[in-house]
Amino acid sequence: MEGEQAEGARAEGLPPGCCECTDNTKALLTVITLFASITIAQLWAAVAANSDTLLVDGLSMLVDTSTYVGNLVAEFRGGGAFAELLASGASLAVLYGVALYGVLSAAMELGDPIDEQEHPLEPGVVLAFGIWGLVFDLLSFWGFHRWGLQSLVSASGSGEEDDPRTGLNKVREEDSGSQSPGGEAKPSMNMRSAFMHVGADLLRSSAAVVEGCVVIFAGGNGRSADAIATLVVSATIIAGGCGAGASWLREAWKVRYTRRRQKMGLSVPVLDNLPAAILGTPVVGESEELAAAEPKASAEEPWRLPNLEAASARAADRADSGNAGRYPTASADGTQPPPPGG
């Protein structure tokens, strides 16, 4: 791995050991700088303002920052889909824990309210950090718009030939299907995960702003407003985690499927059209003649997946060849050979 990185650095005209600063890494560095600068301050403000909303938001931002660092390491190392899955999966698990803490804390607050005189909420601090978080989230979105929403796989010039029957093509070993059947480039799982974290934090900051405005301008109960805002923030984390979790499971299945085929020495099709990739069935819109044609594997077209009958026949042939010599068979004149050991 280190040798490949050194070769890549020399090919790009960089000193050995240096990594090229791509648009993805620029976007992640921008987000890490912004989030790291506000996270510690927000955690301190949460304690000073007696606000569970700021505390849950600050903890989730701390998880987000560590996630972005993991995303950045995956980008620099070029470890592929497996490294991206590890980073995004770990962050999802911790975020679920933070959301659970927020729900329990808010439920306890609403069920047994804390005396507001002993633990007064500081709505001005909540409002200030909510606005600060909104500004940083908008700057992070700008960074993604400017650099981060690019695909790791170029949409053109890949040199890969599509199968006219299934629309599948071969992909490189380090890719796991980040290109759509129409050739449109899509962001990697790494960058999509980071982008969704920024979007979720934007909603959480909005909840803090609304809470501060309600308490300051409407004169609402600070502790109850903070508990309700904490529930909203936790629900936002859970809702975003469900979508991200479903995407993570799909990517994990694709990586597992890809690795199994590579281990067996088979070509790896693009998995955006799962029925066509798994079953060898034609994609929607093909002519009846192509739909009726049987897929045939060849050296020139290694992406064609054989039908089930051909696969069964090959399995039977392998079983017969493996059993050759183990069981007696009839000779050409019809006589049976003596049983083994007879």
C-alpha atoms as a PDB file:
ATOM      1  CA  MET A   1       0.000   0.000   0.000  1.00  0.00           C
ATOM      2  CA  GLU A   2       2.770   2.427   0.919  1.00  0.00           C
ATOM      3  CA  GLY A   3       4.615   1.545  -2.284  1.00  0.00           C
ATOM      4  CA  GLU A   4       1.528   2.303  -4.357  1.00  0.00           C
ATOM      5  CA  GLN A   5       1.093   5.657  -2.595  1.00  0.00           C
ATOM      6  CA  ALA A   6       4.745   6.536  -3.227  1.00  0.00           C
ATOM      7  CA  GLU A   7       4.386   5.642  -6.910  1.00  0.00           C
ATOM      8  CA  GLY A   8       1.217   7.730  -7.171  1.00  0.00           C
ATOM      9  CA  ALA A   9       2.967  10.665  -5.513  1.00  0.00           C
ATOM     10  CA  ARG A  10       5.886  10.442  -7.932  1.00  0.00           C
ATOM     11  CA  ALA A  11       3.477  10.218 -10.879  1.00  0.00           C
ATOM     12  CA  GLU A  12       1.759  13.414  -9.713  1.00  0.00           C
ATOM     13  CA  GLY A  13       5.071  15.182  -9.192  1.00  0.00           C
ATOM     14  CA  LEU A  14       4.745  15.158  -5.388  1.00  0.00           C
ATOM     15  CA  PRO A  15       7.450  14.215  -2.864  1.00  0.00           C
ATOM     16  CA  PRO A  16       7.251  10.629  -1.560  1.00  0.00           C
ATOM     17  CA  GLY A  17       4.893  10.321   1.399  1.00  0.00           C
ATOM     18  CA  CYS A  18       2.744  13.273   0.298  1.00  0.00           C
ATOM     19  CA  CYS A  19      -0.920  12.885  -0.626  1.00  0.00           C
ATOM     20  CA  GLU A  20      -2.678  14.840  -3.321  1.00  0.00           C
ATOM     21  CA  CYS A  21      -5.172  17.362  -1.927  1.00  0.00           C
ATOM     22  CA  THR A  22      -8.292  16.545  -3.934  1.00  0.00           C
ATOM     23  CA  ASP A  23     -11.561  18.466  -3.900  1.00  0.00           C
ATOM     24  CA  ASN A  24     -12.980  15.912  -1.461  1.00  0.00           C
ATOM     25  CA  THR A  25     -10.154  16.491   1.008  1.00  0.00           C
ATOM     26  CA  LYS A  26     -10.539  20.277   0.682  1.00  0.00           C
ATOM     27  CA  ALA A  27     -14.232  20.027   1.555  1.00  0.00           C
ATOM     28  CA  LEU A  28     -13.525  17.754   4.534  1.00  0.00           C
ATOM     29  CA  LEU A  29     -10.729  19.991   5.824  1.00  0.00           C
ATOM     30  CA  THR A  30     -13.077  22.989   5.637  1.00  0.00           C
ATOM     31  CA  VAL A  31     -15.801  21.177   7.587  1.00  0.00           C
ATOM     32  CA  ILE A  32     -13.368  19.805  10.197  1.00  0.00           C
ATOM     33  CA  THR A  33     -11.931  23.273  10.837  1.00  0.00           C
ATOM     34  CA  LEU A  34     -15.379  24.821  11.253  1.00  0.00           C
ATOM     35  CA  PHE A  35     -16.855  22.083  13.431  1.00  0.00           C
ATOM     36  CA  ALA A  36     -13.802  21.655  15.662  1.00  0.00           C
ATOM     37  CA  SER A  37     -13.753  25.384  16.418  1.00  0.00           C
ATOM     38  CA  ILE A  38     -17.356  25.440  17.630  1.00  0.00           C
ATOM     39  CA  THR A  39     -17.790  22.027  19.264  1.00  0.00           C
ATOM     40  CA  ILE A  40     -15.708  22.623  22.405  1.00  0.00           C
ATOM     41  CA  ALA A  41     -17.191  26.091  22.893  1.00  0.00           C
ATOM     42  CA  GLN A  42     -20.719  24.733  22.517  1.00  0.00           C
ATOM     43  CA  LEU A  43     -20.151  21.982  25.082  1.00  0.00           C
ATOM     44  CA  TRP A  44     -18.931  24.602  27.558  1.00  0.00           C
ATOM     45  CA  ALA A  45     -21.944  26.810  26.741  1.00  0.00           C
ATOM     46  CA  ALA A  46     -24.321  23.870  27.276  1.00  0.00           C
ATOM     47  CA  VAL A  47     -23.095  23.492  30.847  1.00  0.00           C
ATOM     48  CA  ALA A  48     -23.146  27.245  31.474  1.00  0.00           C
ATOM     49  CA  ALA A  49     -26.671  27.662  30.051  1.00  0.00           C
ATOM     50  CA  ASN A  50     -28.100  24.494  31.684  1.00  0.00           C
ATOM     51  CA  SER A  51     -29.332  23.430  28.252  1.00  0.00           C
ATOM     52  CA  ASP A  52     -29.719  19.791  27.270  1.00  0.00           C
ATOM     53  CA  THR A  53     -30.421  20.955  23.721  1.00  0.00           C
ATOM     54  CA  LEU A  54     -26.970  22.499  23.384  1.00  0.00           C
ATOM     55  CA  LEU A  55     -25.427  19.497  25.143  1.00  0.00           C
ATOM     56  CA  VAL A  56     -26.963  16.940  22.770  1.00  0.00           C
ATOM     57  CA  ASP A  57     -26.174  19.147  19.791  1.00  0.00           C
ATOM     58  CA  GLY A  58     -22.587  19.593  20.990  1.00  0.00           C
ATOM     59  CA  LEU A  59     -22.104  15.857  21.536  1.00  0.00           C
ATOM     60  CA  SER A  60     -23.482  15.100  18.092  1.00  0.00           C
ATOM     61  CA  MET A  61     -21.143  17.718  16.608  1.00  0.00           C
ATOM     62  CA  LEU A  62     -18.238  16.072  18.426  1.00  0.00           C
ATOM     63  CA  VAL A  63     -19.224  12.760  16.829  1.00  0.00           C
ATOM     64  CA  ASP A  64     -19.573  14.497  13.466  1.00  0.00           C
ATOM     65  CA  THR A  65     -16.108  16.023  13.779  1.00  0.00           C
ATOM     66  CA  SER A  66     -14.542  12.650  14.553  1.00  0.00           C
ATOM     67  CA  THR A  67     -16.477  11.208  11.609  1.00  0.00           C
ATOM     68  CA  TYR A  68     -15.085  13.849   9.275  1.00  0.00           C
ATOM     69  CA  VAL A  69     -11.584  13.024  10.506  1.00  0.00           C
ATOM     70  CA  GLY A  70     -12.247   9.360   9.695  1.00  0.00           C
ATOM     71  CA  ASN A  71     -13.596  10.369   6.276  1.00  0.00           C
ATOM     72  CA  LEU A  72     -10.449  12.412   5.683  1.00  0.00           C
ATOM     73  CA  VAL A  73      -8.206   9.491   6.632  1.00  0.00           C
ATOM     74  CA  ALA A  74     -10.161   7.264   4.235  1.00  0.00           C
ATOM     75  CA  GLU A  75      -9.717   9.845   1.466  1.00  0.00           C
ATOM     76  CA  PHE A  76      -5.963  10.154   2.061  1.00  0.00           C
ATOM     77  CA  ARG A  77      -5.339   6.430   2.382  1.00  0.00           C
ATOM     78  CA  GLY A  78      -7.583   5.494  -0.508  1.00  0.00           C
ATOM     79  CA  GLY A  79      -8.690   2.411   1.405  1.00  0.00           C
ATOM     80  CA  GLY A  80     -11.844   2.080  -0.670  1.00  0.00           C
ATOM     81  CA  ALA A  81     -15.372   1.267   0.351  1.00  0.00           C
ATOM     82  CA  PHE A  82     -14.423  -0.846   3.382  1.00  0.00           C
ATOM     83  CA  ALA A  83     -12.638   2.026   5.160  1.00  0.00           C
ATOM     84  CA  GLU A  84     -15.540   4.345   4.369  1.00  0.00           C
ATOM     85  CA  LEU A  85     -18.016   1.860   5.841  1.00  0.00           C
ATOM     86  CA  LEU A  86     -16.015   1.573   9.057  1.00  0.00           C
ATOM     87  CA  ALA A  87     -15.927   5.350   9.548  1.00  0.00           C
ATOM     88  CA  SER A  88     -19.590   5.947   8.747  1.00  0.00           C
ATOM     89  CA  GLY A  89     -20.825   2.870  10.650  1.00  0.00           C
ATOM     90  CA  ALA A  90     -18.993   3.805  13.851  1.00  0.00           C
ATOM     91  CA  SER A  91     -20.347   7.357  13.733  1.00  0.00           C
ATOM     92  CA  LEU A  92     -23.905   6.111  13.217  1.00  0.00           C
ATOM     93  CA  ALA A  93     -23.671   3.841  16.258  1.00  0.00           C
ATOM     94  CA  VAL A  94     -22.411   6.664  18.498  1.00  0.00           C
ATOM     95  CA  LEU A  95     -25.038   9.089  17.159  1.00  0.00           C
ATOM     96  CA  TYR A  96     -27.791   6.646  18.092  1.00  0.00           C
ATOM     97  CA  GLY A  97     -26.395   6.596  21.627  1.00  0.00           C
ATOM     98  CA  VAL A  98     -26.395  10.410  21.797  1.00  0.00           C
ATOM     99  CA  ALA A  99     -29.994  10.523  20.535  1.00  0.00           C
ATOM    100  CA  LEU A 100     -31.073   7.949  23.127  1.00  0.00           C
ATOM    101  CA  TYR A 101     -29.499  10.044  25.879  1.00  0.00           C
ATOM    102  CA  GLY A 102     -31.366  13.120  24.621  1.00  0.00           C
ATOM    103  CA  VAL A 103     -34.719  11.330  24.554  1.00  0.00           C
ATOM    104  CA  LEU A 104     -34.285   9.960  28.080  1.00  0.00           C
ATOM    105  CA  SER A 105     -33.131  13.317  29.435  1.00  0.00           C
ATOM    106  CA  ALA A 106     -36.069  15.178  27.858  1.00  0.00           C
ATOM    107  CA  ALA A 107     -38.568  12.579  29.066  1.00  0.00           C
ATOM    108  CA  MET A 108     -37.264  12.876  32.629  1.00  0.00           C
ATOM    109  CA  GLU A 109     -37.447  16.669  32.413  1.00  0.00           C
ATOM    110  CA  LEU A 110     -41.039  16.663  31.168  1.00  0.00           C
ATOM    111  CA  GLY A 111     -42.121  13.978  33.642  1.00  0.00           C
ATOM    112  CA  ASP A 112     -40.428  15.508  36.690  1.00  0.00           C
ATOM    113  CA  PRO A 113     -39.615  19.172  35.924  1.00  0.00           C
ATOM    114  CA  ILE A 114     -36.492  20.644  37.475  1.00  0.00           C
ATOM    115  CA  ASP A 115     -36.970  23.819  39.491  1.00  0.00           C
ATOM    116  CA  GLU A 116     -36.248  26.649  37.069  1.00  0.00           C
ATOM    117  CA  GLN A 117     -35.114  28.876  39.915  1.00  0.00           C
ATOM    118  CA  GLU A 118     -32.335  26.460  40.890  1.00  0.00           C
ATOM    119  CA  HIS A 119     -31.257  25.621  37.335  1.00  0.00           C
ATOM    120  CA  PRO A 120     -32.309  28.572  35.170  1.00  0.00           C
ATOM    121  CA  LEU A 121     -31.996  28.301  31.418  1.00  0.00           C
ATOM    122  CA  GLU A 122     -29.927  30.989  29.702  1.00  0.00           C
ATOM    123  CA  PRO A 123     -31.907  31.551  26.483  1.00  0.00           C
ATOM    124  CA  GLY A 124     -29.507  34.210  25.218  1.00  0.00           C
ATOM    125  CA  VAL A 125     -26.638  31.718  25.204  1.00  0.00           C
ATOM    126  CA  VAL A 126     -28.812  29.104  23.479  1.00  0.00           C
ATOM    127  CA  LEU A 127     -29.873  31.596  20.801  1.00  0.00           C
ATOM    128  CA  ALA A 128     -26.329  32.852  20.225  1.00  0.00           C
ATOM    129  CA  PHE A 129     -24.875  29.378  19.753  1.00  0.00           C
ATOM    130  CA  GLY A 130     -27.830  28.336  17.602  1.00  0.00           C
ATOM    131  CA  ILE A 131     -27.145  31.239  15.237  1.00  0.00           C
ATOM    132  CA  TRP A 132     -23.422  30.516  15.341  1.00  0.00           C
ATOM    133  CA  GLY A 133     -24.111  26.891  14.429  1.00  0.00           C
ATOM    134  CA  LEU A 134     -26.353  27.957  11.535  1.00  0.00           C
ATOM    135  CA  VAL A 135     -23.610  30.165  10.107  1.00  0.00           C
ATOM    136  CA  PHE A 136     -21.040  27.372  10.355  1.00  0.00           C
ATOM    137  CA  ASP A 137     -23.427  24.857   8.780  1.00  0.00           C
ATOM    138  CA  LEU A 138     -24.079  27.189   5.846  1.00  0.00           C
ATOM    139  CA  LEU A 139     -20.324  27.640   5.382  1.00  0.00           C
ATOM    140  CA  SER A 140     -19.939  23.847   5.461  1.00  0.00           C
ATOM    141  CA  PHE A 141     -22.624  23.507   2.802  1.00  0.00           C
ATOM    142  CA  TRP A 142     -20.713  26.021   0.709  1.00  0.00           C
ATOM    143  CA  GLY A 143     -17.593  23.887   1.078  1.00  0.00           C
ATOM    144  CA  PHE A 144     -19.461  20.803  -0.127  1.00  0.00           C
ATOM    145  CA  HIS A 145     -20.984  22.728  -3.025  1.00  0.00           C
ATOM    146  CA  ARG A 146     -17.571  24.096  -3.954  1.00  0.00           C
ATOM    147  CA  TRP A 147     -15.512  20.926  -3.612  1.00  0.00           C
ATOM    148  CA  GLY A 148     -17.101  17.928  -1.969  1.00  0.00           C
ATOM    149  CA  LEU A 149     -19.920  16.631  -4.190  1.00  0.00           C
ATOM    150  CA  GLN A 150     -17.663  15.064  -6.774  1.00  0.00           C
ATOM    151  CA  SER A 151     -17.456  11.377  -7.527  1.00  0.00           C
ATOM    152  CA  LEU A 152     -14.367   9.327  -6.861  1.00  0.00           C
ATOM    153  CA  VAL A 153     -14.986   7.712 -10.241  1.00  0.00           C
ATOM    154  CA  SER A 154     -14.952   9.946 -13.301  1.00  0.00           C
ATOM    155  CA  ALA A 155     -18.076   9.777 -15.420  1.00  0.00           C
ATOM    156  CA  SER A 156     -16.025   9.770 -18.597  1.00  0.00           C
ATOM    157  CA  GLY A 157     -12.781   8.291 -19.811  1.00  0.00           C
ATOM    158  CA  SER A 158     -13.026   5.175 -17.672  1.00  0.00           C
ATOM    159  CA  GLY A 159     -12.312   2.862 -20.589  1.00  0.00           C
ATOM    160  CA  GLU A 160     -14.988   0.396 -19.471  1.00  0.00           C
ATOM    161  CA  GLU A 161     -17.382  -1.157 -21.961  1.00  0.00           C
ATOM    162  CA  ASP A 162     -21.054  -1.640 -21.129  1.00  0.00           C
ATOM    163  CA  ASP A 163     -22.866  -4.902 -21.745  1.00  0.00           C
ATOM    164  CA  PRO A 164     -25.605  -4.030 -24.295  1.00  0.00           C
ATOM    165  CA  ARG A 165     -27.960  -6.606 -22.770  1.00  0.00           C
ATOM    166  CA  THR A 166     -27.772  -5.875 -19.049  1.00  0.00           C
ATOM    167  CA  GLY A 167     -26.217  -2.425 -18.969  1.00  0.00           C
ATOM    168  CA  LEU A 168     -23.491  -3.738 -16.634  1.00  0.00           C
ATOM    169  CA  ASN A 169     -19.813  -2.989 -16.817  1.00  0.00           C
ATOM    170  CA  LYS A 170     -16.690  -4.005 -15.000  1.00  0.00           C
ATOM    171  CA  VAL A 171     -15.429  -1.808 -12.207  1.00  0.00           C
ATOM    172  CA  ARG A 172     -12.071  -1.402 -10.615  1.00  0.00           C
ATOM    173  CA  GLU A 173     -11.156  -3.304  -7.509  1.00  0.00           C
ATOM    174  CA  GLU A 174     -11.210  -0.240  -5.276  1.00  0.00           C
ATOM    175  CA  ASP A 175     -14.683   0.895  -6.411  1.00  0.00           C
ATOM    176  CA  SER A 176     -18.011  -0.477  -5.289  1.00  0.00           C
ATOM    177  CA  GLY A 177     -20.485   0.890  -7.799  1.00  0.00           C
ATOM    178  CA  SER A 178     -20.313   4.657  -7.484  1.00  0.00           C
ATOM    179  CA  GLN A 179     -21.502   5.165 -11.042  1.00  0.00           C
ATOM    180  CA  SER A 180     -25.066   5.038 -12.297  1.00  0.00           C
ATOM    181  CA  PRO A 181     -26.095   2.925 -15.327  1.00  0.00           C
ATOM    182  CA  GLY A 182     -26.406   6.080 -17.416  1.00  0.00           C
ATOM    183  CA  GLY A 183     -22.802   7.016 -16.703  1.00  0.00           C
ATOM    184  CA  GLU A 184     -23.656   9.845 -14.311  1.00  0.00           C
ATOM    185  CA  ALA A 185     -21.080  10.250 -11.559  1.00  0.00           C
ATOM    186  CA  LYS A 186     -22.319  10.014  -7.985  1.00  0.00           C
ATOM    187  CA  PRO A 187     -20.651  11.058  -4.717  1.00  0.00           C
ATOM    188  CA  SER A 188     -18.967   8.294  -2.769  1.00  0.00           C
ATOM    189  CA  MET A 189     -20.420   6.845   0.421  1.00  0.00           C
ATOM    190  CA  ASN A 190     -17.705   8.742   2.260  1.00  0.00           C
ATOM    191  CA  MET A 191     -18.830  12.164   1.031  1.00  0.00           C
ATOM    192  CA  ARG A 192     -22.550  11.389   1.173  1.00  0.00           C
ATOM    193  CA  SER A 193     -22.198  10.436   4.844  1.00  0.00           C
ATOM    194  CA  ALA A 194     -20.375  13.677   5.652  1.00  0.00           C
ATOM    195  CA  PHE A 195     -22.937  15.736   3.714  1.00  0.00           C
ATOM    196  CA  MET A 196     -25.852  14.146   5.601  1.00  0.00           C
ATOM    197  CA  HIS A 197     -24.154  14.931   8.933  1.00  0.00           C
ATOM    198  CA  VAL A 198     -23.952  18.613   7.994  1.00  0.00           C
ATOM    199  CA  GLY A 199     -27.631  18.631   6.975  1.00  0.00           C
ATOM    200  CA  ALA A 200     -28.683  17.067  10.281  1.00  0.00           C
ATOM    201  CA  ASP A 201     -26.638  19.593  12.237  1.00  0.00           C
ATOM    202  CA  LEU A 202     -28.335  22.428  10.332  1.00  0.00           C
ATOM    203  CA  LEU A 203     -31.713  21.203  11.605  1.00  0.00           C
ATOM    204  CA  ARG A 204     -30.396  20.875  15.161  1.00  0.00           C
ATOM    205  CA  SER A 205     -29.044  24.425  15.112  1.00  0.00           C
ATOM    206  CA  SER A 206     -32.414  25.636  13.826  1.00  0.00           C
ATOM    207  CA  ALA A 207     -34.128  23.973  16.805  1.00  0.00           C
ATOM    208  CA  ALA A 208     -31.784  25.803  19.202  1.00  0.00           C
ATOM    209  CA  VAL A 209     -32.570  29.135  17.505  1.00  0.00           C
ATOM    210  CA  VAL A 210     -36.319  28.518  17.769  1.00  0.00           C
ATOM    211  CA  GLU A 211     -35.987  27.566  21.448  1.00  0.00           C
ATOM    212  CA  GLY A 212     -34.049  30.720  22.284  1.00  0.00           C
ATOM    213  CA  CYS A 213     -36.542  32.935  20.427  1.00  0.00           C
ATOM    214  CA  VAL A 214     -39.551  31.322  22.139  1.00  0.00           C
ATOM    215  CA  VAL A 215     -38.127  31.747  25.636  1.00  0.00           C
ATOM    216  CA  ILE A 216     -36.847  35.307  25.078  1.00  0.00           C
ATOM    217  CA  PHE A 217     -39.675  36.832  23.058  1.00  0.00           C
ATOM    218  CA  ALA A 218     -42.701  34.713  24.066  1.00  0.00           C
ATOM    219  CA  GLY A 219     -41.791  34.300  27.724  1.00  0.00           C
ATOM    220  CA  GLY A 220     -42.220  30.531  27.696  1.00  0.00           C
ATOM    221  CA  ASN A 221     -41.051  28.143  30.395  1.00  0.00           C
ATOM    222  CA  GLY A 222     -37.353  27.703  29.784  1.00  0.00           C
ATOM    223  CA  ARG A 223     -37.003  24.156  31.112  1.00  0.00           C
ATOM    224  CA  SER A 224     -40.028  22.837  29.200  1.00  0.00           C
ATOM    225  CA  ALA A 225     -38.920  24.581  26.009  1.00  0.00           C
ATOM    226  CA  ASP A 226     -35.448  23.089  26.395  1.00  0.00           C
ATOM    227  CA  ALA A 227     -36.890  19.595  26.909  1.00  0.00           C
ATOM    228  CA  ILE A 228     -39.093  19.892  23.813  1.00  0.00           C
ATOM    229  CA  ALA A 229     -36.182  21.231  21.753  1.00  0.00           C
ATOM    230  CA  THR A 230     -34.043  18.340  23.000  1.00  0.00           C
ATOM    231  CA  LEU A 231     -36.698  15.893  21.782  1.00  0.00           C
ATOM    232  CA  VAL A 232     -36.721  17.629  18.387  1.00  0.00           C
ATOM    233  CA  VAL A 233     -32.929  17.471  18.154  1.00  0.00           C
ATOM    234  CA  SER A 234     -32.898  13.780  19.161  1.00  0.00           C
ATOM    235  CA  ALA A 235     -35.674  12.987  16.677  1.00  0.00           C
ATOM    236  CA  THR A 236     -33.648  14.719  13.967  1.00  0.00           C
ATOM    237  CA  ILE A 237     -30.638  12.559  14.797  1.00  0.00           C
ATOM    238  CA  ILE A 238     -32.735   9.376  14.738  1.00  0.00           C
ATOM    239  CA  ALA A 239     -34.508  10.300  11.482  1.00  0.00           C
ATOM    240  CA  GLY A 240     -31.239  11.135   9.776  1.00  0.00           C
ATOM    241  CA  GLY A 241     -29.671   7.995  11.199  1.00  0.00           C
ATOM    242  CA  CYS A 242     -32.436   5.802   9.752  1.00  0.00           C
ATOM    243  CA  GLY A 243     -31.827   7.074   6.230  1.00  0.00           C
ATOM    244  CA  ALA A 244     -28.071   6.898   6.649  1.00  0.00           C
ATOM    245  CA  GLY A 245     -28.369   3.424   8.198  1.00  0.00           C
ATOM    246  CA  ALA A 246     -30.368   2.122   5.241  1.00  0.00           C
ATOM    247  CA  SER A 247     -27.783   3.558   2.862  1.00  0.00           C
ATOM    248  CA  TRP A 248     -25.005   2.033   4.978  1.00  0.00           C
ATOM    249  CA  LEU A 249     -26.613  -1.424   4.831  1.00  0.00           C
ATOM    250  CA  ARG A 250     -26.947  -1.213   1.040  1.00  0.00           C
ATOM    251  CA  GLU A 251     -23.310  -0.213   0.685  1.00  0.00           C
ATOM    252  CA  ALA A 252     -22.223  -2.966   3.091  1.00  0.00           C
ATOM    253  CA  TRP A 253     -24.088  -5.547   0.992  1.00  0.00           C
ATOM    254  CA  LYS A 254     -22.430  -4.223  -2.175  1.00  0.00           C
ATOM    255  CA  VAL A 255     -18.967  -4.367  -0.606  1.00  0.00           C
ATOM    256  CA  ARG A 256     -19.575  -7.925   0.617  1.00  0.00           C
ATOM    257  CA  TYR A 257     -20.865  -8.981  -2.806  1.00  0.00           C
ATOM    258  CA  THR A 258     -17.892  -7.324  -4.530  1.00  0.00           C
ATOM    259  CA  ARG A 259     -15.316  -8.890  -2.230  1.00  0.00           C
ATOM    260  CA  ARG A 260     -16.814 -12.363  -2.592  1.00  0.00           C
ATOM    261  CA  ARG A 261     -16.706 -12.160  -6.391  1.00  0.00           C
ATOM    262  CA  GLN A 262     -13.151 -10.821  -6.362  1.00  0.00           C
ATOM    263  CA  LYS A 263     -12.103 -13.622  -4.008  1.00  0.00           C
ATOM    264  CA  MET A 264     -13.593 -16.150  -6.437  1.00  0.00           C
ATOM    265  CA  GLY A 265     -11.756 -14.525  -9.346  1.00  0.00           C
ATOM    266  CA  LEU A 266     -14.950 -13.283 -10.993  1.00  0.00           C
ATOM    267  CA  SER A 267     -15.626  -9.928 -12.618  1.00  0.00           C
ATOM    268  CA  VAL A 268     -17.612  -7.399 -10.615  1.00  0.00           C
ATOM    269  CA  PRO A 269     -20.612  -5.722 -12.264  1.00  0.00           C
ATOM    270  CA  VAL A 270     -21.892  -2.304 -11.319  1.00  0.00           C
ATOM    271  CA  LEU A 271     -24.610  -2.914  -8.740  1.00  0.00           C
ATOM    272  CA  ASP A 272     -26.910   0.057  -9.335  1.00  0.00           C
ATOM    273  CA  ASN A 273     -29.394  -2.333 -11.015  1.00  0.00           C
ATOM    274  CA  LEU A 274     -29.443  -5.185  -8.518  1.00  0.00           C
ATOM    275  CA  PRO A 275     -31.901  -7.559 -10.307  1.00  0.00           C
ATOM    276  CA  ALA A 276     -29.899  -7.382 -13.521  1.00  0.00           C
ATOM    277  CA  ALA A 277     -26.612  -7.792 -11.669  1.00  0.00           C
ATOM    278  CA  ILE A 278     -27.706 -10.782  -9.601  1.00  0.00           C
ATOM    279  CA  LEU A 279     -30.106 -12.688 -11.850  1.00  0.00           C
ATOM    280  CA  GLY A 280     -28.774 -11.800 -15.282  1.00  0.00           C
ATOM    281  CA  THR A 281     -32.199 -10.493 -16.325  1.00  0.00           C
ATOM    282  CA  PRO A 282     -32.529  -7.774 -18.973  1.00  0.00           C
ATOM    283  CA  VAL A 283     -33.077  -4.212 -17.857  1.00  0.00           C
ATOM    284  CA  VAL A 284     -36.344  -2.378 -18.517  1.00  0.00           C
ATOM    285  CA  GLY A 285     -36.768  -1.052 -22.048  1.00  0.00           C
ATOM    286  CA  GLU A 286     -34.841  -3.704 -23.969  1.00  0.00           C
ATOM    287  CA  SER A 287     -36.246  -5.283 -27.101  1.00  0.00           C
ATOM    288  CA  GLU A 288     -37.990  -8.661 -26.964  1.00  0.00           C
ATOM    289  CA  GLU A 289     -35.216 -10.223 -29.038  1.00  0.00           C
ATOM    290  CA  LEU A 290     -32.563  -9.250 -26.498  1.00  0.00           C
ATOM    291  CA  ALA A 291     -34.803 -10.251 -23.614  1.00  0.00           C
ATOM    292  CA  ALA A 292     -35.237 -13.732 -25.112  1.00  0.00           C
ATOM    293  CA  ALA A 293     -31.519 -14.159 -25.795  1.00  0.00           C
ATOM    294  CA  GLU A 294     -29.534 -16.289 -23.374  1.00  0.00           C
ATOM    295  CA  PRO A 295     -26.488 -14.623 -21.781  1.00  0.00           C
ATOM    296  CA  LYS A 296     -23.264 -16.388 -22.701  1.00  0.00           C
ATOM    297  CA  ALA A 297     -19.993 -15.863 -20.909  1.00  0.00           C
ATOM    298  CA  SER A 298     -16.903 -15.395 -23.063  1.00  0.00           C
ATOM    299  CA  ALA A 299     -13.364 -14.129 -22.700  1.00  0.00           C
ATOM    300  CA  GLU A 300     -14.265 -10.979 -24.635  1.00  0.00           C
ATOM    301  CA  GLU A 301     -17.346 -10.291 -22.520  1.00  0.00           C
ATOM    302  CA  PRO A 302     -16.498 -11.459 -18.981  1.00  0.00           C
ATOM    303  CA  TRP A 303     -19.253  -9.384 -17.395  1.00  0.00           C
ATOM    304  CA  ARG A 304     -22.064 -11.572 -18.812  1.00  0.00           C
ATOM    305  CA  LEU A 305     -23.549 -13.630 -16.011  1.00  0.00           C
ATOM    306  CA  PRO A 306     -24.474 -17.210 -16.994  1.00  0.00           C
ATOM    307  CA  ASN A 307     -28.020 -18.438 -16.505  1.00  0.00           C
ATOM    308  CA  LEU A 308     -28.916 -20.836 -13.735  1.00  0.00           C
ATOM    309  CA  GLU A 309     -28.999 -23.923 -15.974  1.00  0.00           C
ATOM    310  CA  ALA A 310     -25.453 -23.329 -17.211  1.00  0.00           C
ATOM    311  CA  ALA A 311     -24.254 -22.717 -13.663  1.00  0.00           C
ATOM    312  CA  SER A 312     -25.919 -25.930 -12.480  1.00  0.00           C
ATOM    313  CA  ALA A 313     -24.351 -27.883 -15.342  1.00  0.00           C
ATOM    314  CA  ARG A 314     -20.880 -26.601 -14.493  1.00  0.00           C
ATOM    315  CA  ALA A 315     -21.402 -27.463 -10.832  1.00  0.00           C
ATOM    316  CA  ALA A 316     -22.446 -30.990 -11.813  1.00  0.00           C
ATOM    317  CA  ASP A 317     -19.371 -31.343 -14.052  1.00  0.00           C
ATOM    318  CA  ARG A 318     -17.094 -30.271 -11.227  1.00  0.00           C
ATOM    319  CA  ALA A 319     -18.770 -32.730  -8.880  1.00  0.00           C
ATOM    320  CA  ASP A 320     -18.341 -35.548 -11.423  1.00  0.00           C
ATOM    321  CA  SER A 321     -14.683 -34.710 -11.986  1.00  0.00           C
ATOM    322  CA  GLY A 322     -14.101 -34.595  -8.243  1.00  0.00           C
ATOM    323  CA  ASN A 323     -15.711 -38.005  -7.782  1.00  0.00           C
ATOM    324  CA  ALA A 324     -13.790 -39.590 -10.670  1.00  0.00           C
ATOM    325  CA  GLY A 325     -11.945 -42.644  -9.417  1.00  0.00           C
ATOM    326  CA  ARG A 326     -13.803 -42.700  -6.134  1.00  0.00           C
ATOM    327  CA  TYR A 327     -16.826 -44.646  -7.402  1.00  0.00           C
ATOM    328  CA  PRO A 328     -16.856 -47.538  -9.945  1.00  0.00           C
ATOM    329  CA  THR A 329     -18.329 -46.888 -13.407  1.00  0.00           C
ATOM    330  CA  ALA A 330     -19.334 -49.288 -16.184  1.00  0.00           C
ATOM    331  CA  SER A 331     -16.779 -50.034 -18.900  1.00  0.00           C
ATOM    332  CA  ALA A 332     -17.429 -49.761 -22.648  1.00  0.00           C
ATOM    333  CA  ASP A 333     -18.471 -53.468 -23.005  1.00  0.00           C
ATOM    334  CA  GLY A 334     -21.004 -53.128 -20.179  1.00  0.00           C
ATOM    335  CA  THR A 335     -19.089 -55.123 -17.561  1.00  0.00           C
ATOM    336  CA  GLN A 336     -18.897 -53.694 -14.071  1.00  0.00           C
ATOM    337  CA  PRO A 337     -15.450 -53.320 -12.483  1.00  0.00           C
ATOM    338  CA  PRO A 338     -14.853 -54.979  -9.140  1.00  0.00           C
ATOM    339  CA  PRO A 339     -15.787 -52.879  -6.115  1.00  0.00           C
ATOM    340  CA  PRO A 340     -12.959 -51.058  -4.331  1.00  0.00           C
ATOM    341  CA  GLY A 341     -11.027 -53.393  -2.088  1.00  0.00           C
ATOM    342  CA  GLY A 342     -12.692 -56.418  -3.689  1.00  0.00           C
END
